[in-house]
N, C-alpha and C. Protein backbone atom coordinates (compact mmCIF):
# COMPACT_ATOMS: atom_id res chain seq x y z
N MET A 1 12.14 -91.20 40.88
CA MET A 1 13.40 -90.70 40.32
C MET A 1 13.53 -91.15 38.88
N PRO A 2 13.83 -90.23 37.93
CA PRO A 2 14.06 -90.67 36.56
C PRO A 2 15.20 -91.66 36.53
N SER A 3 15.15 -92.59 35.57
CA SER A 3 16.15 -93.65 35.51
C SER A 3 17.56 -93.11 35.33
N SER A 4 17.69 -91.92 34.75
CA SER A 4 19.01 -91.37 34.47
C SER A 4 19.62 -90.63 35.66
N ARG A 5 18.81 -90.35 36.70
CA ARG A 5 19.30 -89.48 37.76
C ARG A 5 20.49 -90.07 38.49
N LYS A 6 20.42 -91.37 38.83
CA LYS A 6 21.52 -91.95 39.58
C LYS A 6 22.81 -91.93 38.76
N ASN A 7 22.69 -92.19 37.45
CA ASN A 7 23.87 -92.12 36.59
C ASN A 7 24.43 -90.70 36.54
N ASP A 8 23.50 -89.71 36.49
CA ASP A 8 23.93 -88.32 36.46
C ASP A 8 24.71 -87.98 37.72
N LEU A 9 24.16 -88.39 38.87
CA LEU A 9 24.82 -88.08 40.13
C LEU A 9 26.15 -88.80 40.25
N THR A 10 26.21 -90.05 39.73
CA THR A 10 27.46 -90.80 39.76
C THR A 10 28.52 -90.09 38.94
N ALA A 11 28.12 -89.58 37.78
CA ALA A 11 29.06 -88.87 36.93
C ALA A 11 29.57 -87.61 37.61
N LEU A 12 28.67 -86.89 38.28
CA LEU A 12 29.09 -85.70 38.99
C LEU A 12 30.01 -86.06 40.15
N GLY A 13 29.71 -87.16 40.83
CA GLY A 13 30.55 -87.60 41.93
C GLY A 13 31.94 -87.96 41.46
N SER A 14 32.03 -88.58 40.31
CA SER A 14 33.33 -88.95 39.77
C SER A 14 34.15 -87.70 39.45
N ALA A 15 33.47 -86.68 38.96
CA ALA A 15 34.17 -85.42 38.67
C ALA A 15 34.67 -84.79 39.96
N CYS A 16 33.85 -84.87 41.01
CA CYS A 16 34.25 -84.29 42.29
C CYS A 16 35.43 -85.04 42.89
N ALA A 17 35.58 -86.33 42.55
CA ALA A 17 36.64 -87.14 43.12
C ALA A 17 38.02 -86.67 42.68
N GLU A 18 38.09 -85.83 41.66
CA GLU A 18 39.37 -85.33 41.22
C GLU A 18 40.04 -84.50 42.32
N ALA A 19 39.24 -83.87 43.15
CA ALA A 19 39.78 -83.13 44.28
C ALA A 19 39.27 -83.78 45.55
N LYS A 20 40.20 -84.20 46.43
CA LYS A 20 39.80 -84.97 47.60
C LYS A 20 39.32 -84.10 48.76
N ARG A 21 39.64 -82.80 48.71
CA ARG A 21 39.22 -81.93 49.79
C ARG A 21 38.47 -80.74 49.21
N LEU A 22 37.16 -80.80 49.29
CA LEU A 22 36.31 -79.77 48.72
C LEU A 22 35.41 -79.18 49.79
N THR A 23 35.20 -77.89 49.72
CA THR A 23 34.26 -77.25 50.63
C THR A 23 32.85 -77.41 50.09
N ARG A 24 31.89 -77.10 50.95
CA ARG A 24 30.49 -77.16 50.54
C ARG A 24 30.26 -76.27 49.32
N ARG A 25 30.81 -75.04 49.35
CA ARG A 25 30.62 -74.11 48.24
C ARG A 25 31.18 -74.69 46.94
N GLU A 26 32.35 -75.32 47.01
CA GLU A 26 32.98 -75.87 45.82
C GLU A 26 32.18 -77.03 45.25
N ILE A 27 31.61 -77.84 46.14
CA ILE A 27 30.81 -78.97 45.67
C ILE A 27 29.54 -78.47 44.99
N VAL A 28 28.90 -77.45 45.59
CA VAL A 28 27.71 -76.89 44.96
C VAL A 28 28.06 -76.34 43.59
N GLN A 29 29.19 -75.67 43.47
CA GLN A 29 29.60 -75.11 42.19
C GLN A 29 29.81 -76.21 41.15
N ARG A 30 30.40 -77.32 41.57
CA ARG A 30 30.63 -78.42 40.63
C ARG A 30 29.32 -79.08 40.22
N LEU A 31 28.41 -79.20 41.17
CA LEU A 31 27.10 -79.76 40.84
C LEU A 31 26.38 -78.86 39.85
N LEU A 32 26.48 -77.55 40.07
CA LEU A 32 25.84 -76.60 39.16
C LEU A 32 26.47 -76.65 37.78
N ALA A 33 27.78 -76.82 37.73
CA ALA A 33 28.45 -76.91 36.44
C ALA A 33 27.98 -78.15 35.69
N GLY A 34 27.81 -79.26 36.42
CA GLY A 34 27.31 -80.48 35.80
C GLY A 34 25.89 -80.33 35.33
N ALA A 35 25.06 -79.65 36.15
CA ALA A 35 23.66 -79.43 35.77
C ALA A 35 23.59 -78.57 34.53
N GLY A 36 24.48 -77.57 34.44
CA GLY A 36 24.49 -76.72 33.27
C GLY A 36 24.88 -77.47 32.02
N ALA A 37 25.63 -78.55 32.20
CA ALA A 37 26.07 -79.36 31.06
C ALA A 37 25.04 -80.42 30.68
N GLY A 38 23.94 -80.47 31.43
CA GLY A 38 22.87 -81.40 31.09
C GLY A 38 22.60 -82.47 32.12
N ALA A 39 23.44 -82.56 33.17
CA ALA A 39 23.18 -83.54 34.23
C ALA A 39 22.07 -83.01 35.12
N ALA A 40 21.42 -83.91 35.87
CA ALA A 40 20.23 -83.52 36.64
C ALA A 40 20.57 -83.23 38.09
N TRP A 41 20.24 -82.02 38.55
CA TRP A 41 20.24 -81.74 39.99
C TRP A 41 19.06 -82.51 40.56
N PRO A 42 19.22 -83.15 41.73
CA PRO A 42 18.13 -83.96 42.27
C PRO A 42 16.79 -83.25 42.33
N LEU A 43 15.80 -83.83 41.72
CA LEU A 43 14.40 -83.39 41.76
C LEU A 43 14.15 -82.04 41.11
N MET A 44 15.07 -81.54 40.31
CA MET A 44 14.97 -80.15 39.92
C MET A 44 15.46 -79.87 38.52
N SER A 45 14.78 -78.93 37.83
CA SER A 45 15.19 -78.50 36.50
C SER A 45 16.26 -77.42 36.59
N ALA A 46 17.23 -77.50 35.69
CA ALA A 46 18.31 -76.51 35.69
C ALA A 46 17.83 -75.12 35.30
N SER A 47 16.61 -75.00 34.80
CA SER A 47 16.07 -73.70 34.41
C SER A 47 15.39 -72.98 35.58
N HIS A 48 15.32 -73.63 36.73
CA HIS A 48 14.62 -73.04 37.87
C HIS A 48 15.38 -71.81 38.38
N PRO A 49 14.64 -70.77 38.83
CA PRO A 49 15.30 -69.53 39.28
C PRO A 49 16.24 -69.69 40.46
N ILE A 50 16.13 -70.76 41.23
CA ILE A 50 17.01 -70.91 42.39
C ILE A 50 18.47 -71.11 41.96
N PHE A 51 18.69 -71.57 40.72
CA PHE A 51 20.05 -71.82 40.27
C PHE A 51 20.90 -70.57 40.32
N ALA A 52 20.34 -69.43 39.96
CA ALA A 52 21.10 -68.18 39.98
C ALA A 52 21.58 -67.85 41.39
N HIS A 53 20.74 -68.16 42.38
CA HIS A 53 21.12 -67.89 43.77
C HIS A 53 22.22 -68.83 44.25
N LEU A 54 22.19 -70.08 43.81
CA LEU A 54 23.17 -71.06 44.27
C LEU A 54 24.57 -70.77 43.76
N LYS A 55 24.67 -69.88 42.77
CA LYS A 55 25.98 -69.48 42.26
C LYS A 55 26.58 -68.32 43.05
N ASN A 56 25.80 -67.81 43.99
CA ASN A 56 26.20 -66.64 44.76
C ASN A 56 26.83 -67.08 46.08
N GLU A 57 28.14 -66.88 46.22
CA GLU A 57 28.84 -67.32 47.42
C GLU A 57 28.33 -66.62 48.67
N ALA A 58 28.00 -65.33 48.55
CA ALA A 58 27.52 -64.58 49.69
C ALA A 58 26.19 -65.14 50.21
N ILE A 59 25.33 -65.57 49.28
CA ILE A 59 24.04 -66.15 49.66
C ILE A 59 24.25 -67.43 50.46
N LEU A 60 25.18 -68.29 50.02
CA LEU A 60 25.44 -69.53 50.73
C LEU A 60 25.94 -69.26 52.14
N GLY A 61 26.75 -68.21 52.27
CA GLY A 61 27.24 -67.83 53.59
C GLY A 61 26.12 -67.34 54.48
N GLU A 62 25.23 -66.53 53.95
CA GLU A 62 24.09 -66.03 54.72
C GLU A 62 23.14 -67.15 55.10
N ALA A 63 23.02 -68.14 54.22
CA ALA A 63 22.13 -69.28 54.50
C ALA A 63 22.61 -70.04 55.73
N LYS A 64 23.91 -70.20 55.85
CA LYS A 64 24.47 -70.92 57.01
C LYS A 64 24.17 -70.16 58.29
N LYS A 65 24.28 -68.82 58.24
CA LYS A 65 23.99 -68.00 59.41
C LYS A 65 22.51 -68.12 59.79
N ALA A 66 21.64 -68.07 58.78
CA ALA A 66 20.20 -68.14 59.04
C ALA A 66 19.82 -69.48 59.65
N ALA A 67 20.46 -70.56 59.17
CA ALA A 67 20.13 -71.90 59.67
C ALA A 67 20.45 -72.04 61.15
N GLY A 68 21.48 -71.34 61.61
CA GLY A 68 21.89 -71.48 63.01
C GLY A 68 21.36 -70.39 63.93
N ALA A 69 20.61 -69.44 63.41
CA ALA A 69 20.12 -68.33 64.22
C ALA A 69 19.04 -68.79 65.19
N THR A 70 19.16 -68.41 66.45
CA THR A 70 18.16 -68.80 67.46
C THR A 70 16.98 -67.84 67.48
N ASP A 71 17.17 -66.65 66.95
CA ASP A 71 16.10 -65.64 66.95
C ASP A 71 15.60 -65.36 65.54
N TRP A 72 15.64 -66.38 64.67
CA TRP A 72 15.30 -66.19 63.26
C TRP A 72 13.82 -65.84 63.09
N LYS A 73 13.55 -64.91 62.19
CA LYS A 73 12.20 -64.57 61.76
C LYS A 73 12.20 -64.40 60.25
N PRO A 74 11.11 -64.77 59.57
CA PRO A 74 11.06 -64.62 58.11
C PRO A 74 11.27 -63.17 57.69
N ALA A 75 12.03 -62.99 56.63
CA ALA A 75 12.25 -61.64 56.09
C ALA A 75 11.25 -61.31 55.00
N PHE A 76 10.72 -62.33 54.34
CA PHE A 76 9.78 -62.12 53.24
C PHE A 76 8.41 -62.73 53.52
N LEU A 77 8.38 -63.98 53.93
CA LEU A 77 7.12 -64.67 54.16
C LEU A 77 6.47 -64.21 55.45
N ASN A 78 5.12 -64.28 55.50
CA ASN A 78 4.46 -64.08 56.79
C ASN A 78 4.43 -65.41 57.54
N GLN A 79 3.94 -65.40 58.76
CA GLN A 79 4.02 -66.59 59.59
C GLN A 79 3.24 -67.76 58.99
N GLU A 80 2.04 -67.50 58.47
CA GLU A 80 1.24 -68.57 57.89
C GLU A 80 1.91 -69.15 56.65
N GLN A 81 2.47 -68.29 55.81
CA GLN A 81 3.16 -68.76 54.61
C GLN A 81 4.39 -69.59 54.99
N ASN A 82 5.09 -69.16 56.02
CA ASN A 82 6.27 -69.91 56.46
C ASN A 82 5.88 -71.29 56.97
N GLU A 83 4.80 -71.37 57.74
CA GLU A 83 4.34 -72.67 58.26
C GLU A 83 3.91 -73.59 57.12
N THR A 84 3.28 -73.01 56.11
CA THR A 84 2.88 -73.81 54.95
C THR A 84 4.10 -74.34 54.21
N LEU A 85 5.10 -73.48 54.03
CA LEU A 85 6.33 -73.90 53.38
C LEU A 85 7.03 -75.01 54.15
N VAL A 86 7.11 -74.88 55.45
CA VAL A 86 7.74 -75.92 56.27
C VAL A 86 7.05 -77.26 56.07
N ALA A 87 5.72 -77.25 56.10
CA ALA A 87 4.95 -78.49 55.95
C ALA A 87 5.10 -79.07 54.55
N LEU A 88 5.03 -78.24 53.53
CA LEU A 88 5.19 -78.72 52.16
C LEU A 88 6.59 -79.26 51.92
N ALA A 89 7.59 -78.54 52.40
CA ALA A 89 8.98 -78.96 52.19
C ALA A 89 9.25 -80.31 52.83
N GLU A 90 8.79 -80.50 54.04
CA GLU A 90 9.03 -81.77 54.74
C GLU A 90 8.29 -82.91 54.06
N SER A 91 7.13 -82.62 53.47
CA SER A 91 6.36 -83.66 52.79
C SER A 91 6.97 -84.02 51.44
N ILE A 92 7.54 -83.04 50.75
CA ILE A 92 8.12 -83.28 49.43
C ILE A 92 9.52 -83.87 49.53
N VAL A 93 10.34 -83.30 50.42
CA VAL A 93 11.71 -83.82 50.64
C VAL A 93 11.91 -83.99 52.14
N PRO A 94 11.64 -85.17 52.68
CA PRO A 94 11.83 -85.39 54.12
C PRO A 94 13.25 -85.02 54.56
N GLY A 95 13.31 -84.34 55.69
CA GLY A 95 14.60 -83.84 56.17
C GLY A 95 14.75 -82.35 55.95
N SER A 96 13.79 -81.75 55.24
CA SER A 96 13.87 -80.33 54.92
C SER A 96 13.81 -79.45 56.17
N THR A 97 13.07 -79.88 57.18
CA THR A 97 12.99 -79.09 58.40
C THR A 97 14.35 -79.02 59.08
N LYS A 98 15.01 -80.15 59.20
CA LYS A 98 16.34 -80.20 59.79
C LYS A 98 17.34 -79.37 58.99
N ALA A 99 17.15 -79.34 57.69
CA ALA A 99 18.05 -78.60 56.81
C ALA A 99 17.72 -77.11 56.73
N SER A 100 16.70 -76.66 57.47
CA SER A 100 16.28 -75.25 57.47
C SER A 100 15.99 -74.74 56.06
N VAL A 101 15.33 -75.58 55.28
CA VAL A 101 15.00 -75.22 53.90
C VAL A 101 14.13 -73.97 53.85
N ASN A 102 13.19 -73.84 54.76
CA ASN A 102 12.31 -72.66 54.75
C ASN A 102 13.10 -71.38 54.96
N ARG A 103 14.10 -71.43 55.82
CA ARG A 103 14.89 -70.23 56.10
C ARG A 103 15.71 -69.82 54.87
N PHE A 104 16.26 -70.79 54.19
CA PHE A 104 17.06 -70.49 53.00
C PHE A 104 16.18 -69.90 51.90
N ILE A 105 15.02 -70.52 51.68
CA ILE A 105 14.12 -70.03 50.64
C ILE A 105 13.63 -68.63 50.97
N ASP A 106 13.30 -68.38 52.23
CA ASP A 106 12.87 -67.03 52.64
C ASP A 106 13.98 -66.02 52.36
N LEU A 107 15.22 -66.39 52.65
CA LEU A 107 16.36 -65.51 52.36
C LEU A 107 16.46 -65.22 50.87
N LEU A 108 16.35 -66.24 50.05
CA LEU A 108 16.46 -66.06 48.60
C LEU A 108 15.34 -65.18 48.06
N LEU A 109 14.13 -65.44 48.53
CA LEU A 109 12.99 -64.66 48.04
C LEU A 109 13.08 -63.19 48.46
N SER A 110 13.70 -62.93 49.60
CA SER A 110 13.81 -61.55 50.08
C SER A 110 14.64 -60.68 49.15
N VAL A 111 15.50 -61.30 48.32
CA VAL A 111 16.33 -60.54 47.38
C VAL A 111 16.04 -60.90 45.93
N ASP A 112 14.97 -61.65 45.70
CA ASP A 112 14.68 -62.12 44.35
C ASP A 112 13.83 -61.11 43.57
N LYS A 113 13.61 -61.44 42.30
CA LYS A 113 12.80 -60.61 41.43
C LYS A 113 11.34 -60.66 41.86
N ALA A 114 10.62 -59.58 41.58
CA ALA A 114 9.22 -59.49 41.96
C ALA A 114 8.40 -60.62 41.35
N GLU A 115 8.69 -61.00 40.11
CA GLU A 115 7.93 -62.05 39.44
C GLU A 115 8.12 -63.40 40.13
N ASN A 116 9.35 -63.71 40.54
CA ASN A 116 9.60 -64.97 41.23
C ASN A 116 8.93 -65.00 42.60
N LYS A 117 8.91 -63.85 43.26
CA LYS A 117 8.21 -63.75 44.54
C LYS A 117 6.72 -64.01 44.34
N ARG A 118 6.16 -63.36 43.33
CA ARG A 118 4.73 -63.51 43.06
C ARG A 118 4.37 -64.96 42.76
N ARG A 119 5.19 -65.61 41.93
CA ARG A 119 4.92 -67.00 41.56
C ARG A 119 5.02 -67.92 42.77
N PHE A 120 6.00 -67.67 43.63
CA PHE A 120 6.15 -68.52 44.81
C PHE A 120 4.94 -68.39 45.73
N LEU A 121 4.51 -67.17 46.00
CA LEU A 121 3.35 -66.98 46.86
C LEU A 121 2.09 -67.57 46.24
N ALA A 122 1.98 -67.47 44.92
CA ALA A 122 0.83 -68.07 44.23
C ALA A 122 0.84 -69.58 44.39
N SER A 123 2.03 -70.18 44.35
CA SER A 123 2.15 -71.63 44.50
C SER A 123 1.75 -72.06 45.90
N LEU A 124 2.22 -71.33 46.91
CA LEU A 124 1.81 -71.64 48.28
C LEU A 124 0.30 -71.52 48.43
N ALA A 125 -0.26 -70.44 47.90
CA ALA A 125 -1.69 -70.20 48.03
C ALA A 125 -2.50 -71.28 47.32
N SER A 126 -1.98 -71.79 46.21
CA SER A 126 -2.72 -72.82 45.48
C SER A 126 -2.87 -74.09 46.30
N PHE A 127 -1.85 -74.43 47.07
CA PHE A 127 -1.93 -75.64 47.89
C PHE A 127 -2.81 -75.40 49.11
N GLN A 128 -2.77 -74.20 49.66
CA GLN A 128 -3.69 -73.89 50.75
C GLN A 128 -5.13 -73.96 50.26
N GLY A 129 -5.37 -73.40 49.08
CA GLY A 129 -6.72 -73.42 48.53
C GLY A 129 -7.21 -74.82 48.24
N GLU A 130 -6.35 -75.64 47.64
CA GLU A 130 -6.75 -77.01 47.31
C GLU A 130 -6.95 -77.84 48.57
N SER A 131 -6.13 -77.59 49.58
CA SER A 131 -6.27 -78.29 50.85
C SER A 131 -7.61 -77.95 51.52
N GLN A 132 -7.96 -76.68 51.50
CA GLN A 132 -9.24 -76.25 52.07
C GLN A 132 -10.40 -76.84 51.29
N LYS A 133 -10.27 -76.85 49.96
CA LYS A 133 -11.33 -77.36 49.10
C LYS A 133 -11.59 -78.84 49.35
N ARG A 134 -10.53 -79.61 49.48
CA ARG A 134 -10.69 -81.06 49.63
C ARG A 134 -10.97 -81.50 51.05
N PHE A 135 -10.27 -80.87 52.00
CA PHE A 135 -10.30 -81.40 53.37
C PHE A 135 -10.79 -80.40 54.42
N GLY A 136 -11.03 -79.14 54.01
CA GLY A 136 -11.52 -78.15 54.95
C GLY A 136 -10.49 -77.69 55.95
N LYS A 137 -9.20 -77.88 55.64
CA LYS A 137 -8.12 -77.46 56.53
C LYS A 137 -6.96 -76.92 55.71
N ASN A 138 -6.14 -76.10 56.36
CA ASN A 138 -4.91 -75.66 55.71
C ASN A 138 -3.92 -76.82 55.64
N PHE A 139 -2.99 -76.75 54.70
CA PHE A 139 -2.10 -77.87 54.46
C PHE A 139 -1.34 -78.34 55.70
N PRO A 140 -0.78 -77.45 56.53
CA PRO A 140 -0.03 -77.94 57.69
C PRO A 140 -0.87 -78.76 58.66
N ALA A 141 -2.19 -78.55 58.66
CA ALA A 141 -3.07 -79.26 59.59
C ALA A 141 -3.54 -80.61 59.07
N LEU A 142 -3.21 -80.95 57.83
CA LEU A 142 -3.66 -82.22 57.26
C LEU A 142 -2.94 -83.40 57.89
N ALA A 143 -3.62 -84.55 57.89
CA ALA A 143 -2.98 -85.79 58.30
C ALA A 143 -1.97 -86.19 57.23
N ALA A 144 -1.02 -87.02 57.61
CA ALA A 144 0.03 -87.43 56.68
C ALA A 144 -0.55 -88.05 55.41
N GLU A 145 -1.58 -88.86 55.56
CA GLU A 145 -2.19 -89.52 54.40
C GLU A 145 -2.85 -88.50 53.47
N GLN A 146 -3.46 -87.47 54.05
CA GLN A 146 -4.10 -86.43 53.24
C GLN A 146 -3.04 -85.61 52.48
N LYS A 147 -1.93 -85.31 53.14
CA LYS A 147 -0.85 -84.59 52.48
C LYS A 147 -0.32 -85.42 51.31
N PHE A 148 -0.14 -86.71 51.55
CA PHE A 148 0.39 -87.59 50.51
C PHE A 148 -0.55 -87.63 49.31
N THR A 149 -1.85 -87.74 49.57
CA THR A 149 -2.84 -87.79 48.49
C THR A 149 -2.81 -86.51 47.66
N LEU A 150 -2.82 -85.38 48.34
CA LEU A 150 -2.83 -84.10 47.64
C LEU A 150 -1.56 -83.91 46.81
N LEU A 151 -0.40 -84.20 47.40
CA LEU A 151 0.86 -84.00 46.68
C LEU A 151 1.03 -85.01 45.55
N SER A 152 0.55 -86.22 45.75
CA SER A 152 0.63 -87.22 44.69
C SER A 152 -0.19 -86.80 43.48
N ASP A 153 -1.37 -86.27 43.74
CA ASP A 153 -2.22 -85.77 42.64
C ASP A 153 -1.55 -84.58 41.94
N ALA A 154 -0.96 -83.70 42.72
CA ALA A 154 -0.31 -82.52 42.15
C ALA A 154 0.93 -82.89 41.35
N ALA A 155 1.63 -83.93 41.80
CA ALA A 155 2.87 -84.35 41.14
C ALA A 155 2.62 -85.03 39.80
N ALA A 156 1.45 -85.63 39.65
CA ALA A 156 1.13 -86.34 38.41
C ALA A 156 0.96 -85.35 37.27
N LYS A 157 1.73 -85.53 36.22
CA LYS A 157 1.66 -84.63 35.07
C LYS A 157 0.33 -84.83 34.35
N PRO A 158 -0.44 -83.76 34.15
CA PRO A 158 -1.74 -83.89 33.48
C PRO A 158 -1.58 -84.44 32.08
N GLU A 159 -2.51 -85.29 31.68
CA GLU A 159 -2.44 -85.89 30.35
C GLU A 159 -2.90 -84.93 29.28
N ARG A 160 -3.67 -83.93 29.66
CA ARG A 160 -4.14 -82.95 28.69
C ARG A 160 -4.19 -81.59 29.35
N SER A 161 -4.00 -80.56 28.58
CA SER A 161 -3.91 -79.21 29.14
C SER A 161 -5.23 -78.46 29.15
N GLU A 162 -6.17 -78.89 28.30
CA GLU A 162 -7.44 -78.15 28.26
C GLU A 162 -8.24 -78.40 29.53
N LYS A 163 -9.02 -77.39 29.91
CA LYS A 163 -9.79 -77.48 31.14
C LYS A 163 -11.20 -78.00 30.88
N PRO A 164 -11.65 -78.97 31.68
CA PRO A 164 -13.03 -79.44 31.55
C PRO A 164 -13.98 -78.45 32.21
N ASP A 165 -15.16 -78.89 32.53
CA ASP A 165 -16.13 -77.97 33.11
C ASP A 165 -15.64 -77.45 34.46
N SER A 166 -16.28 -76.38 34.94
CA SER A 166 -15.81 -75.68 36.14
C SER A 166 -15.96 -76.50 37.41
N HIS A 167 -16.61 -77.65 37.34
CA HIS A 167 -16.79 -78.48 38.53
C HIS A 167 -15.89 -79.71 38.50
N GLY A 168 -15.06 -79.83 37.47
CA GLY A 168 -14.21 -81.00 37.37
C GLY A 168 -12.83 -80.76 37.93
N ALA A 169 -11.84 -81.42 37.32
CA ALA A 169 -10.47 -81.33 37.82
C ALA A 169 -9.69 -80.26 37.09
N GLU A 170 -10.36 -79.10 36.85
CA GLU A 170 -9.75 -78.06 36.03
C GLU A 170 -8.47 -77.50 36.63
N ALA A 171 -8.27 -77.64 37.94
CA ALA A 171 -7.10 -77.05 38.59
C ALA A 171 -5.86 -77.92 38.43
N ALA A 172 -6.01 -79.15 37.91
CA ALA A 172 -4.90 -80.09 37.88
C ALA A 172 -3.66 -79.57 37.15
N PRO A 173 -3.80 -79.06 35.89
CA PRO A 173 -2.60 -78.57 35.22
C PRO A 173 -1.93 -77.43 35.97
N GLU A 174 -2.73 -76.49 36.48
CA GLU A 174 -2.17 -75.35 37.21
C GLU A 174 -1.51 -75.82 38.51
N LEU A 175 -2.16 -76.73 39.22
CA LEU A 175 -1.61 -77.22 40.48
C LEU A 175 -0.30 -77.96 40.24
N HIS A 176 -0.22 -78.69 39.14
CA HIS A 176 1.02 -79.39 38.81
C HIS A 176 2.15 -78.39 38.59
N GLY A 177 1.85 -77.30 37.91
CA GLY A 177 2.86 -76.27 37.70
C GLY A 177 3.34 -75.66 39.01
N HIS A 178 2.41 -75.42 39.92
CA HIS A 178 2.77 -74.89 41.23
C HIS A 178 3.61 -75.90 42.01
N PHE A 179 3.26 -77.17 41.88
CA PHE A 179 4.04 -78.21 42.55
C PHE A 179 5.48 -78.22 42.04
N GLU A 180 5.65 -78.16 40.72
CA GLU A 180 6.99 -78.16 40.14
C GLU A 180 7.78 -76.93 40.58
N ASN A 181 7.13 -75.79 40.67
CA ASN A 181 7.79 -74.58 41.12
C ASN A 181 8.30 -74.74 42.56
N LEU A 182 7.41 -75.20 43.45
CA LEU A 182 7.80 -75.38 44.85
C LEU A 182 8.86 -76.47 45.00
N LYS A 183 8.71 -77.55 44.25
CA LYS A 183 9.69 -78.64 44.33
C LYS A 183 11.08 -78.16 43.95
N GLY A 184 11.15 -77.28 42.95
CA GLY A 184 12.44 -76.73 42.55
C GLY A 184 13.09 -75.92 43.66
N TRP A 185 12.32 -75.05 44.27
CA TRP A 185 12.85 -74.26 45.38
C TRP A 185 13.28 -75.16 46.54
N ILE A 186 12.43 -76.12 46.87
CA ILE A 186 12.69 -76.97 48.04
C ILE A 186 13.88 -77.88 47.82
N SER A 187 13.93 -78.55 46.68
CA SER A 187 15.04 -79.47 46.42
C SER A 187 16.35 -78.71 46.24
N GLY A 188 16.29 -77.54 45.60
CA GLY A 188 17.50 -76.74 45.44
C GLY A 188 18.05 -76.31 46.78
N ALA A 189 17.17 -75.87 47.68
CA ALA A 189 17.59 -75.45 49.01
C ALA A 189 18.11 -76.65 49.82
N TYR A 190 17.40 -77.78 49.70
CA TYR A 190 17.80 -78.96 50.49
C TYR A 190 19.15 -79.50 50.06
N TYR A 191 19.35 -79.70 48.76
CA TYR A 191 20.58 -80.34 48.29
C TYR A 191 21.78 -79.39 48.26
N SER A 192 21.57 -78.12 48.59
CA SER A 192 22.70 -77.22 48.77
C SER A 192 22.96 -76.96 50.25
N SER A 193 22.17 -77.59 51.13
CA SER A 193 22.39 -77.50 52.57
C SER A 193 23.38 -78.57 53.00
N GLU A 194 23.89 -78.46 54.20
CA GLU A 194 24.83 -79.46 54.69
C GLU A 194 24.15 -80.83 54.79
N VAL A 195 22.89 -80.85 55.22
CA VAL A 195 22.17 -82.11 55.33
C VAL A 195 22.04 -82.76 53.95
N GLY A 196 21.62 -81.98 52.97
CA GLY A 196 21.45 -82.51 51.62
C GLY A 196 22.76 -82.90 50.97
N MET A 197 23.81 -82.10 51.18
CA MET A 197 25.11 -82.42 50.60
C MET A 197 25.67 -83.71 51.18
N ARG A 198 25.43 -83.94 52.45
CA ARG A 198 25.89 -85.19 53.07
C ARG A 198 25.15 -86.39 52.47
N GLU A 199 23.88 -86.18 52.13
CA GLU A 199 23.13 -87.25 51.49
C GLU A 199 23.73 -87.61 50.13
N LEU A 200 24.30 -86.60 49.47
CA LEU A 200 24.93 -86.83 48.16
C LEU A 200 26.37 -87.33 48.27
N GLY A 201 26.87 -87.46 49.48
CA GLY A 201 28.20 -88.03 49.65
C GLY A 201 29.24 -87.14 50.25
N TRP A 202 28.87 -85.89 50.57
CA TRP A 202 29.85 -84.96 51.15
C TRP A 202 30.08 -85.31 52.60
N ARG A 203 31.34 -85.32 53.04
CA ARG A 203 31.68 -85.60 54.43
C ARG A 203 32.63 -84.51 54.93
N GLY A 204 32.06 -83.33 55.17
CA GLY A 204 32.89 -82.21 55.58
C GLY A 204 33.65 -81.68 54.39
N GLU A 205 34.95 -81.95 54.33
CA GLU A 205 35.76 -81.50 53.21
C GLU A 205 36.03 -82.62 52.23
N ASN A 206 35.62 -83.84 52.57
CA ASN A 206 35.89 -84.98 51.71
C ASN A 206 34.64 -85.43 50.99
N VAL A 207 34.80 -86.03 49.81
CA VAL A 207 33.66 -86.53 49.05
C VAL A 207 33.90 -87.97 48.66
N PHE A 208 32.82 -88.70 48.44
CA PHE A 208 32.94 -90.05 47.91
C PHE A 208 33.33 -90.00 46.44
N ALA A 209 33.79 -91.10 45.93
CA ALA A 209 34.14 -91.18 44.51
C ALA A 209 32.88 -91.06 43.67
N GLU A 210 31.75 -91.46 44.22
CA GLU A 210 30.48 -91.29 43.52
C GLU A 210 29.39 -91.10 44.54
N PHE A 211 28.32 -90.41 44.12
CA PHE A 211 27.22 -90.18 45.04
C PHE A 211 26.38 -91.44 45.19
N PRO A 212 25.85 -91.68 46.41
CA PRO A 212 25.03 -92.87 46.62
C PRO A 212 23.66 -92.77 45.99
N GLY A 213 23.26 -91.62 45.54
CA GLY A 213 21.93 -91.46 44.94
C GLY A 213 20.98 -90.77 45.88
N CYS A 214 19.89 -90.27 45.35
CA CYS A 214 18.91 -89.51 46.10
C CYS A 214 18.05 -90.44 46.95
N LYS A 215 17.96 -90.17 48.25
CA LYS A 215 17.16 -91.00 49.14
C LYS A 215 15.67 -90.86 48.86
N HIS A 216 15.31 -89.78 48.20
CA HIS A 216 13.90 -89.47 48.03
C HIS A 216 13.36 -89.93 46.68
N ALA A 217 13.90 -91.02 46.20
CA ALA A 217 13.48 -91.52 44.88
C ALA A 217 11.99 -91.80 44.85
N GLY A 218 11.44 -92.20 45.96
CA GLY A 218 10.02 -92.55 46.00
C GLY A 218 9.13 -91.39 46.40
N GLU A 219 9.71 -90.20 46.54
CA GLU A 219 8.90 -89.06 46.95
C GLU A 219 8.15 -88.47 45.79
N HIS A 220 7.51 -87.35 46.01
CA HIS A 220 6.64 -86.74 45.00
C HIS A 220 7.48 -85.98 44.00
N ASN A 221 7.97 -86.63 42.95
CA ASN A 221 8.82 -85.95 41.99
C ASN A 221 8.42 -86.32 40.59
């Protein structure tokens, strides 16, 4: 976690304390307003495409329905892509499975721009490819230690952008970009879910005077 993140969240929490009874939608809107003013949404850049979706009240309502559906099926992703997303999300932000992060992201992508869809699928494919290259298995089948190693390498910002020979670590800059793209989708979906909002201090309609901070400070960010 960047050193400024906890202060950013505390400042946003103090702003939320002005109203003692806030709905989930209202808290998300206030967080977005703070992010637009320069404060940091947990694990995520304010320029990420998910921000436009989080401003849509209808989308938040549909997300709640999707999270509770017993007969849910992906609207955009295929089954393998969905399984990869579930595994990546849980590894990057633990608790994502409980928060139905994959369902929310699938909903958003189903109505998103073609370019954002393409980039998301490319990011998923990059991790499947790297997982196969290193370990001979798809990402969901990796052991916890293997997932950690792969994501830690992807999370590390490359020191240089030029590519070495074709047998070296030429994929590192590209893989880092894919990691940042997925992390934005996953953290945005998680921290706008009821599970994520509670982690930030939301208690139904009430909020703390300040947020306790992101539990995932030690995760791949």
